[in-house]
């Protein structure tokens, strides 16, 4: 394989990894908002996950 092919493959792998991390962060944020936000029950707001957020 040529050096340029390896470099392009590495760049694509890094971009895919960055997208995966970004989507995971967004998912965690949305889950916390949903579980601890304005629609949450009192029990959910008092849960360990919601207490760690504060």
Protein backbone atom coordinates (compact mmCIF):
# COMPACT_ATOMS: atom_id res chain seq x y z
CA UNK A 1 0.00 0.00 0.00
CA UNK A 2 1.13 3.52 -0.72
CA UNK A 3 1.81 6.01 2.03
CA UNK A 4 -1.02 8.23 0.80
CA UNK A 5 -3.50 5.35 1.02
CA UNK A 6 -2.45 4.65 4.60
CA UNK A 7 -2.70 8.36 5.48
CA UNK A 8 -6.18 8.64 3.98
CA UNK A 9 -7.32 5.48 5.78
CA UNK A 10 -5.96 6.82 9.08
CA UNK A 11 -7.67 10.17 8.54
CA UNK A 12 -11.01 8.47 7.82
CA UNK A 13 -10.61 6.32 10.94
CA UNK A 14 -9.91 9.41 13.08
CA UNK A 15 -12.92 11.23 11.65
CA UNK A 16 -15.18 8.21 12.31
CA UNK A 17 -13.90 7.96 15.89
CA UNK A 18 -14.52 11.68 16.45
CA UNK A 19 -18.07 11.38 15.13
CA UNK A 20 -18.70 8.40 17.41
CA UNK A 21 -17.46 10.33 20.47
CA UNK A 22 -19.55 13.35 19.54
CA UNK A 23 -22.72 11.30 19.10
CA UNK A 24 -22.10 9.50 22.39
CA UNK A 25 -21.74 12.83 24.21
CA UNK A 26 -24.95 14.08 22.64
CA UNK A 27 -26.77 10.89 23.63
CA UNK A 28 -25.61 11.18 27.25
CA UNK A 29 -26.66 14.84 27.40
CA UNK A 30 -30.11 14.12 25.95
CA UNK A 31 -30.59 11.18 28.33
CA UNK A 32 -29.68 13.30 31.34
CA UNK A 33 -31.95 16.12 30.19
CA UNK A 34 -34.83 13.69 29.65
CA UNK A 35 -34.29 11.91 32.97
CA UNK A 36 -33.57 15.00 35.09
CA UNK A 37 -35.35 17.74 33.18
CA UNK A 38 -38.71 19.42 33.51
CA UNK A 39 -40.69 16.28 32.64
CA UNK A 40 -38.92 14.09 35.22
CA UNK A 41 -40.64 12.71 38.29
CA UNK A 42 -39.40 13.57 41.77
CA UNK A 43 -37.85 10.13 42.16
CA UNK A 44 -35.91 10.53 38.93
CA UNK A 45 -34.67 13.99 39.91
CA UNK A 46 -33.42 12.56 43.20
CA UNK A 47 -31.62 9.67 41.49
CA UNK A 48 -27.84 9.33 41.61
CA UNK A 49 -27.48 10.26 37.92
CA UNK A 50 -29.27 13.58 38.43
CA UNK A 51 -27.37 14.36 41.61
CA UNK A 52 -24.02 13.87 39.84
CA UNK A 53 -25.01 16.37 37.18
CA UNK A 54 -25.37 19.23 39.63
